[in-house]
Structures are given as structure tokens and as C-alpha cells.
Amino acid sequence: MARSGRRTITINAPVFITSNKIAVWMDEDWMRDFFNWLSKNKFKISAMNHQQNKIKLTFVDAKDCTMFGLKYAGKKK
């Protein structure tokens, strides 16, 4: 979950980084569902970085990041 005041959060995601630094999504349905969910909840992301089995999301403001953390944690349960 995101702490209040932070604009970034890192979550687990089915993404694989190849040896030549290319991100490959291992589950296309997860990716599509996740970005549709972000759009439906109107979260504004300013940047996204792929990491091994994770993605780091940077939000426009800290409020969006905190709300995302709360909603995403609730969605996973």
C-alpha cells in the first residue's frame, strides 16, 4: 500500500525483462484488465517503469497514489 505523500508505488505484475532490457508481458489479459481498471477508476499516471516481475507507477499527485494503493489492496482481497 502507498504511504500518504508519495507519488510512486511498485506492484507485482507478470512482466519479464529480457537480457537486452526489453519488457515482455507474460499475461496479456492481466495487463489489459489492469489498464482498463486504472482507466475506469480515473487514476492519472505520469510514468511507468518495468522491473522484473513488477511495475513502478508514478502518479500525477500523491492523492491518486494513496487512493490507488487503497483500492488495489481491496481489489486483491
PDB file of N, CA and C in Angstrom:
ATOM      1  N   MET A   1       0.838  -1.176   0.000  1.00  0.00           N
ATOM      2  CA  MET A   1       0.000   0.000   0.000  1.00  0.00           C
ATOM      3  C   MET A   1       0.886   1.243   0.000  1.00  0.00           C
ATOM      4  N   ALA A   2       0.411   2.284  -0.630  1.00  0.00           N
ATOM      5  CA  ALA A   2       1.165   3.530  -0.722  1.00  0.00           C
ATOM      6  C   ALA A   2       1.033   4.343   0.556  1.00  0.00           C
ATOM      7  N   ARG A   3       2.139   4.903   0.990  1.00  0.00           N
ATOM      8  CA  ARG A   3       2.089   5.799   2.140  1.00  0.00           C
ATOM      9  C   ARG A   3       1.629   7.169   1.674  1.00  0.00           C
ATOM     10  N   SER A   4       0.970   7.872   2.545  1.00  0.00           N
ATOM     11  CA  SER A   4       0.486   9.200   2.228  1.00  0.00           C
ATOM     12  C   SER A   4       1.655  10.120   1.882  1.00  0.00           C
ATOM     13  N   GLY A   5       1.498  10.925   0.851  1.00  0.00           N
ATOM     14  CA  GLY A   5       2.535  11.862   0.439  1.00  0.00           C
ATOM     15  C   GLY A   5       3.448  11.348  -0.652  1.00  0.00           C
ATOM     16  N   ARG A   6       3.401  10.079  -0.951  1.00  0.00           N
ATOM     17  CA  ARG A   6       4.236   9.506  -2.013  1.00  0.00           C
ATOM     18  C   ARG A   6       3.513   9.580  -3.350  1.00  0.00           C
ATOM     19  N   ARG A   7       4.281   9.727  -4.418  1.00  0.00           N
ATOM     20  CA  ARG A   7       3.690   9.739  -5.748  1.00  0.00           C
ATOM     21  C   ARG A   7       3.976   8.453  -6.524  1.00  0.00           C
ATOM     22  N   THR A   8       4.792   7.548  -5.973  1.00  0.00           N
ATOM     23  CA  THR A   8       5.126   6.302  -6.670  1.00  0.00           C
ATOM     24  C   THR A   8       4.730   5.096  -5.835  1.00  0.00           C
ATOM     25  N   ILE A   9       4.435   4.019  -6.544  1.00  0.00           N
ATOM     26  CA  ILE A   9       4.119   2.752  -5.899  1.00  0.00           C
ATOM     27  C   ILE A   9       4.604   1.636  -6.821  1.00  0.00           C
ATOM     28  N   THR A  10       5.103   0.557  -6.244  1.00  0.00           N
ATOM     29  CA  THR A  10       5.560  -0.602  -7.003  1.00  0.00           C
ATOM     30  C   THR A  10       4.654  -1.776  -6.670  1.00  0.00           C
ATOM     31  N   ILE A  11       4.144  -2.432  -7.713  1.00  0.00           N
ATOM     32  CA  ILE A  11       3.257  -3.578  -7.514  1.00  0.00           C
ATOM     33  C   ILE A  11       3.785  -4.769  -8.305  1.00  0.00           C
ATOM     34  N   ASN A  12       3.398  -5.962  -7.886  1.00  0.00           N
ATOM     35  CA  ASN A  12       3.753  -7.175  -8.626  1.00  0.00           C
ATOM     36  C   ASN A  12       2.963  -7.210  -9.921  1.00  0.00           C
ATOM     37  N   ALA A  13       3.629  -7.625 -10.982  1.00  0.00           N
ATOM     38  CA  ALA A  13       2.999  -7.712 -12.296  1.00  0.00           C
ATOM     39  C   ALA A  13       3.686  -8.809 -13.105  1.00  0.00           C
ATOM     40  N   PRO A  14       2.958  -9.442 -14.004  1.00  0.00           N
ATOM     41  CA  PRO A  14       3.550 -10.508 -14.820  1.00  0.00           C
ATOM     42  C   PRO A  14       4.360  -9.949 -16.001  1.00  0.00           C
ATOM     43  N   VAL A  15       5.475  -9.311 -15.678  1.00  0.00           N
ATOM     44  CA  VAL A  15       6.326  -8.730 -16.709  1.00  0.00           C
ATOM     45  C   VAL A  15       7.733  -9.291 -16.535  1.00  0.00           C
ATOM     46  N   PHE A  16       8.388  -9.556 -17.647  1.00  0.00           N
ATOM     47  CA  PHE A  16       9.717 -10.150 -17.658  1.00  0.00           C
ATOM     48  C   PHE A  16      10.642  -9.214 -18.423  1.00  0.00           C
ATOM     49  N   ILE A  17      11.814  -8.937 -17.882  1.00  0.00           N
ATOM     50  CA  ILE A  17      12.799  -8.091 -18.555  1.00  0.00           C
ATOM     51  C   ILE A  17      13.844  -9.006 -19.189  1.00  0.00           C
ATOM     52  N   THR A  18      13.997  -8.896 -20.494  1.00  0.00           N
ATOM     53  CA  THR A  18      14.967  -9.736 -21.201  1.00  0.00           C
ATOM     54  C   THR A  18      16.384  -9.222 -20.976  1.00  0.00           C
ATOM     55  N   SER A  19      17.363  -9.974 -21.442  1.00  0.00           N
ATOM     56  CA  SER A  19      18.759  -9.592 -21.249  1.00  0.00           C
ATOM     57  C   SER A  19      19.125  -8.304 -21.985  1.00  0.00           C
ATOM     58  N   ASN A  20      18.375  -7.969 -23.032  1.00  0.00           N
ATOM     59  CA  ASN A  20      18.639  -6.710 -23.748  1.00  0.00           C
ATOM     60  C   ASN A  20      17.658  -5.609 -23.330  1.00  0.00           C
ATOM     61  N   LYS A  21      17.119  -5.710 -22.091  1.00  0.00           N
ATOM     62  CA  LYS A  21      16.315  -4.675 -21.432  1.00  0.00           C
ATOM     63  C   LYS A  21      14.957  -4.401 -22.076  1.00  0.00           C
ATOM     64  N   ILE A  22      14.375  -5.399 -22.698  1.00  0.00           N
ATOM     65  CA  ILE A  22      13.039  -5.261 -23.286  1.00  0.00           C
ATOM     66  C   ILE A  22      12.029  -5.899 -22.340  1.00  0.00           C
ATOM     67  N   ALA A  23      10.954  -5.159 -22.059  1.00  0.00           N
ATOM     68  CA  ALA A  23       9.900  -5.663 -21.174  1.00  0.00           C
ATOM     69  C   ALA A  23       8.920  -6.510 -21.986  1.00  0.00           C
ATOM     70  N   VAL A  24       8.629  -7.707 -21.474  1.00  0.00           N
ATOM     71  CA  VAL A  24       7.695  -8.623 -22.123  1.00  0.00           C
ATOM     72  C   VAL A  24       6.608  -8.971 -21.115  1.00  0.00           C
ATOM     73  N   TRP A  25       5.357  -8.693 -21.465  1.00  0.00           N
ATOM     74  CA  TRP A  25       4.237  -9.042 -20.587  1.00  0.00           C
ATOM     75  C   TRP A  25       3.950 -10.519 -20.756  1.00  0.00           C
ATOM     76  N   MET A  26       3.949 -11.255 -19.647  1.00  0.00           N
ATOM     77  CA  MET A  26       3.733 -12.690 -19.675  1.00  0.00           C
ATOM     78  C   MET A  26       2.241 -13.044 -19.699  1.00  0.00           C
ATOM     79  N   ASP A  27       1.392 -12.144 -19.234  1.00  0.00           N
ATOM     80  CA  ASP A  27      -0.052 -12.366 -19.206  1.00  0.00           C
ATOM     81  C   ASP A  27      -0.738 -11.138 -19.789  1.00  0.00           C
ATOM     82  N   GLU A  28      -1.074 -11.225 -21.060  1.00  0.00           N
ATOM     83  CA  GLU A  28      -1.665 -10.085 -21.762  1.00  0.00           C
ATOM     84  C   GLU A  28      -3.039  -9.714 -21.200  1.00  0.00           C
ATOM     85  N   ASP A  29      -3.799 -10.708 -20.746  1.00  0.00           N
ATOM     86  CA  ASP A  29      -5.115 -10.421 -20.170  1.00  0.00           C
ATOM     87  C   ASP A  29      -4.989  -9.629 -18.876  1.00  0.00           C
ATOM     88  N   TRP A  30      -3.992  -9.955 -18.040  1.00  0.00           N
ATOM     89  CA  TRP A  30      -3.774  -9.213 -16.806  1.00  0.00           C
ATOM     90  C   TRP A  30      -3.482  -7.756 -17.129  1.00  0.00           C
ATOM     91  N   MET A  31      -2.596  -7.542 -18.098  1.00  0.00           N
ATOM     92  CA  MET A  31      -2.219  -6.187 -18.491  1.00  0.00           C
ATOM     93  C   MET A  31      -3.436  -5.407 -18.970  1.00  0.00           C
ATOM     94  N   ARG A  32      -4.210  -5.998 -19.842  1.00  0.00           N
ATOM     95  CA  ARG A  32      -5.403  -5.338 -20.391  1.00  0.00           C
ATOM     96  C   ARG A  32      -6.409  -5.030 -19.282  1.00  0.00           C
ATOM     97  N   ASP A  33      -6.673  -5.995 -18.413  1.00  0.00           N
ATOM     98  CA  ASP A  33      -7.608  -5.790 -17.300  1.00  0.00           C
ATOM     99  C   ASP A  33      -7.111  -4.707 -16.346  1.00  0.00           C
ATOM    100  N   PHE A  34      -5.815  -4.703 -16.051  1.00  0.00           N
ATOM    101  CA  PHE A  34      -5.251  -3.725 -15.131  1.00  0.00           C
ATOM    102  C   PHE A  34      -5.393  -2.310 -15.680  1.00  0.00           C
ATOM    103  N   PHE A  35      -5.026  -2.104 -16.938  1.00  0.00           N
ATOM    104  CA  PHE A  35      -5.107  -0.762 -17.501  1.00  0.00           C
ATOM    105  C   PHE A  35      -6.546  -0.318 -17.720  1.00  0.00           C
ATOM    106  N   ASN A  36      -7.443  -1.240 -17.989  1.00  0.00           N
ATOM    107  CA  ASN A  36      -8.869  -0.897 -18.053  1.00  0.00           C
ATOM    108  C   ASN A  36      -9.375  -0.482 -16.674  1.00  0.00           C
ATOM    109  N   TRP A  37      -8.934  -1.189 -15.625  1.00  0.00           N
ATOM    110  CA  TRP A  37      -9.327  -0.846 -14.264  1.00  0.00           C
ATOM    111  C   TRP A  37      -8.800   0.537 -13.878  1.00  0.00           C
ATOM    112  N   LEU A  38      -7.536   0.832 -14.261  1.00  0.00           N
ATOM    113  CA  LEU A  38      -6.979   2.161 -13.996  1.00  0.00           C
ATOM    114  C   LEU A  38      -7.809   3.242 -14.678  1.00  0.00           C
ATOM    115  N   SER A  39      -8.153   3.014 -15.917  1.00  0.00           N
ATOM    116  CA  SER A  39      -8.935   3.970 -16.681  1.00  0.00           C
ATOM    117  C   SER A  39     -10.328   4.146 -16.086  1.00  0.00           C
ATOM    118  N   LYS A  40     -10.958   3.047 -15.697  1.00  0.00           N
ATOM    119  CA  LYS A  40     -12.308   3.090 -15.114  1.00  0.00           C
ATOM    120  C   LYS A  40     -12.321   3.892 -13.818  1.00  0.00           C
ATOM    121  N   ASN A  41     -11.265   3.758 -13.015  1.00  0.00           N
ATOM    122  CA  ASN A  41     -11.171   4.484 -11.748  1.00  0.00           C
ATOM    123  C   ASN A  41     -10.550   5.878 -11.894  1.00  0.00           C
ATOM    124  N   LYS A  42     -10.208   6.241 -13.115  1.00  0.00           N
ATOM    125  CA  LYS A  42      -9.714   7.579 -13.463  1.00  0.00           C
ATOM    126  C   LYS A  42      -8.438   7.978 -12.725  1.00  0.00           C
ATOM    127  N   PHE A  43      -7.515   7.026 -12.582  1.00  0.00           N
ATOM    128  CA  PHE A  43      -6.217   7.330 -11.998  1.00  0.00           C
ATOM    129  C   PHE A  43      -5.336   7.945 -13.077  1.00  0.00           C
ATOM    130  N   LYS A  44      -4.608   8.995 -12.716  1.00  0.00           N
ATOM    131  CA  LYS A  44      -3.738   9.693 -13.675  1.00  0.00           C
ATOM    132  C   LYS A  44      -2.286   9.316 -13.394  1.00  0.00           C
ATOM    133  N   ILE A  45      -1.710   8.560 -14.322  1.00  0.00           N
ATOM    134  CA  ILE A  45      -0.323   8.097 -14.187  1.00  0.00           C
ATOM    135  C   ILE A  45       0.564   8.966 -15.065  1.00  0.00           C
ATOM    136  N   SER A  46       1.667   9.448 -14.495  1.00  0.00           N
ATOM    137  CA  SER A  46       2.588  10.264 -15.278  1.00  0.00           C
ATOM    138  C   SER A  46       3.762   9.452 -15.821  1.00  0.00           C
ATOM    139  N   ALA A  47       4.043   8.294 -15.206  1.00  0.00           N
ATOM    140  CA  ALA A  47       5.144   7.439 -15.691  1.00  0.00           C
ATOM    141  C   ALA A  47       4.952   6.016 -15.204  1.00  0.00           C
ATOM    142  N   MET A  48       5.540   5.083 -15.962  1.00  0.00           N
ATOM    143  CA  MET A  48       5.519   3.676 -15.579  1.00  0.00           C
ATOM    144  C   MET A  48       6.861   3.069 -15.963  1.00  0.00           C
ATOM    145  N   ASN A  49       7.495   2.383 -15.001  1.00  0.00           N
ATOM    146  CA  ASN A  49       8.773   1.717 -15.244  1.00  0.00           C
ATOM    147  C   ASN A  49       8.589   0.223 -15.025  1.00  0.00           C
ATOM    148  N   HIS A  50       9.080  -0.559 -15.977  1.00  0.00           N
ATOM    149  CA  HIS A  50       9.026  -2.016 -15.848  1.00  0.00           C
ATOM    150  C   HIS A  50      10.232  -2.496 -15.059  1.00  0.00           C
ATOM    151  N   GLN A  51       9.989  -3.433 -14.168  1.00  0.00           N
ATOM    152  CA  GLN A  51      11.040  -4.107 -13.421  1.00  0.00           C
ATOM    153  C   GLN A  51      10.762  -5.595 -13.513  1.00  0.00           C
ATOM    154  N   GLN A  52      11.699  -6.416 -13.063  1.00  0.00           N
ATOM    155  CA  GLN A  52      11.500  -7.858 -13.112  1.00  0.00           C
ATOM    156  C   GLN A  52      10.339  -8.248 -12.200  1.00  0.00           C
ATOM    157  N   ASN A  53       9.252  -8.755 -12.774  1.00  0.00           N
ATOM    158  CA  ASN A  53       8.039  -9.176 -12.071  1.00  0.00           C
ATOM    159  C   ASN A  53       7.326  -8.050 -11.329  1.00  0.00           C
ATOM    160  N   LYS A  54       7.594  -6.800 -11.673  1.00  0.00           N
ATOM    161  CA  LYS A  54       6.958  -5.648 -11.022  1.00  0.00           C
ATOM    162  C   LYS A  54       6.844  -4.491 -12.001  1.00  0.00           C
ATOM    163  N   ILE A  55       5.949  -3.556 -11.662  1.00  0.00           N
ATOM    164  CA  ILE A  55       5.912  -2.278 -12.362  1.00  0.00           C
ATOM    165  C   ILE A  55       5.886  -1.175 -11.316  1.00  0.00           C
ATOM    166  N   LYS A  56       6.554  -0.093 -11.628  1.00  0.00           N
ATOM    167  CA  LYS A  56       6.584   1.071 -10.746  1.00  0.00           C
ATOM    168  C   LYS A  56       5.749   2.154 -11.412  1.00  0.00           C
ATOM    169  N   LEU A  57       4.693   2.569 -10.726  1.00  0.00           N
ATOM    170  CA  LEU A  57       3.786   3.585 -11.251  1.00  0.00           C
ATOM    171  C   LEU A  57       4.047   4.909 -10.548  1.00  0.00           C
ATOM    172  N   THR A  58       4.132   5.984 -11.333  1.00  0.00           N
ATOM    173  CA  THR A  58       4.257   7.332 -10.788  1.00  0.00           C
ATOM    174  C   THR A  58       2.978   8.078 -11.135  1.00  0.00           C
ATOM    175  N   PHE A  59       2.335   8.605 -10.122  1.00  0.00           N
ATOM    176  CA  PHE A  59       1.061   9.289 -10.302  1.00  0.00           C
ATOM    177  C   PHE A  59       1.267  10.788 -10.374  1.00  0.00           C
ATOM    178  N   VAL A  60       0.270  11.480 -10.922  1.00  0.00           N
ATOM    179  CA  VAL A  60       0.319  12.930 -11.069  1.00  0.00           C
ATOM    180  C   VAL A  60       0.384  13.610  -9.705  1.00  0.00           C
ATOM    181  N   ASP A  61      -0.363  13.090  -8.745  1.00  0.00           N
ATOM    182  CA  ASP A  61      -0.307  13.654  -7.399  1.00  0.00           C
ATOM    183  C   ASP A  61      -0.371  12.546  -6.348  1.00  0.00           C
ATOM    184  N   ALA A  62      -0.017  12.905  -5.124  1.00  0.00           N
ATOM    185  CA  ALA A  62       0.052  11.929  -4.039  1.00  0.00           C
ATOM    186  C   ALA A  62      -1.324  11.364  -3.681  1.00  0.00           C
ATOM    187  N   LYS A  63      -2.356  12.166  -3.849  1.00  0.00           N
ATOM    188  CA  LYS A  63      -3.719  11.706  -3.526  1.00  0.00           C
ATOM    189  C   LYS A  63      -4.098  10.517  -4.404  1.00  0.00           C
ATOM    190  N   ASP A  64      -3.820  10.608  -5.710  1.00  0.00           N
ATOM    191  CA  ASP A  64      -4.113   9.499  -6.623  1.00  0.00           C
ATOM    192  C   ASP A  64      -3.335   8.243  -6.236  1.00  0.00           C
ATOM    193  N   CYS A  65      -2.086   8.415  -5.829  1.00  0.00           N
ATOM    194  CA  CYS A  65      -1.256   7.272  -5.442  1.00  0.00           C
ATOM    195  C   CYS A  65      -1.831   6.590  -4.200  1.00  0.00           C
ATOM    196  N   THR A  66      -2.225   7.373  -3.220  1.00  0.00           N
ATOM    197  CA  THR A  66      -2.799   6.815  -1.994  1.00  0.00           C
ATOM    198  C   THR A  66      -4.115   6.104  -2.289  1.00  0.00           C
ATOM    199  N   MET A  67      -4.972   6.729  -3.083  1.00  0.00           N
ATOM    200  CA  MET A  67      -6.256   6.118  -3.432  1.00  0.00           C
ATOM    201  C   MET A  67      -6.046   4.829  -4.227  1.00  0.00           C
ATOM    202  N   PHE A  68      -5.076   4.830  -5.148  1.00  0.00           N
ATOM    203  CA  PHE A  68      -4.767   3.622  -5.904  1.00  0.00           C
ATOM    204  C   PHE A  68      -4.354   2.506  -4.943  1.00  0.00           C
ATOM    205  N   GLY A  69      -3.452   2.815  -4.006  1.00  0.00           N
ATOM    206  CA  GLY A  69      -2.981   1.806  -3.054  1.00  0.00           C
ATOM    207  C   GLY A  69      -4.122   1.201  -2.259  1.00  0.00           C
ATOM    208  N   LEU A  70      -5.044   2.021  -1.814  1.00  0.00           N
ATOM    209  CA  LEU A  70      -6.189   1.529  -1.045  1.00  0.00           C
ATOM    210  C   LEU A  70      -7.122   0.681  -1.895  1.00  0.00           C
ATOM    211  N   LYS A  71      -7.450   1.149  -3.092  1.00  0.00           N
ATOM    212  CA  LYS A  71      -8.363   0.409  -3.968  1.00  0.00           C
ATOM    213  C   LYS A  71      -7.728  -0.883  -4.485  1.00  0.00           C
ATOM    214  N   TYR A  72      -6.441  -0.822  -4.826  1.00  0.00           N
ATOM    215  CA  TYR A  72      -5.765  -2.007  -5.360  1.00  0.00           C
ATOM    216  C   TYR A  72      -5.647  -3.090  -4.286  1.00  0.00           C
ATOM    217  N   ALA A  73      -5.342  -2.683  -3.058  1.00  0.00           N
ATOM    218  CA  ALA A  73      -5.255  -3.641  -1.951  1.00  0.00           C
ATOM    219  C   ALA A  73      -6.620  -4.280  -1.708  1.00  0.00           C
ATOM    220  N   GLY A  74      -7.693  -3.487  -1.805  1.00  0.00           N
ATOM    221  CA  GLY A  74      -9.044  -4.012  -1.631  1.00  0.00           C
ATOM    222  C   GLY A  74      -9.446  -4.938  -2.768  1.00  0.00           C
ATOM    223  N   LYS A  75      -8.982  -4.634  -3.973  1.00  0.00           N
ATOM    224  CA  LYS A  75      -9.311  -5.453  -5.153  1.00  0.00           C
ATOM    225  C   LYS A  75      -8.640  -6.815  -5.067  1.00  0.00           C
ATOM    226  N   LYS A  76      -7.439  -6.880  -4.519  1.00  0.00           N
ATOM    227  CA  LYS A  76      -6.692  -8.137  -4.441  1.00  0.00           C
ATOM    228  C   LYS A  76      -7.308  -9.110  -3.449  1.00  0.00           C
ATOM    229  N   LYS A  77      -8.044  -8.612  -2.444  1.00  0.00           N
ATOM    230  CA  LYS A  77      -8.622  -9.483  -1.411  1.00  0.00           C
ATOM    231  C   LYS A  77      -9.793 -10.253  -1.890  1.00  0.00           C
TER     232      LYS A  77
END
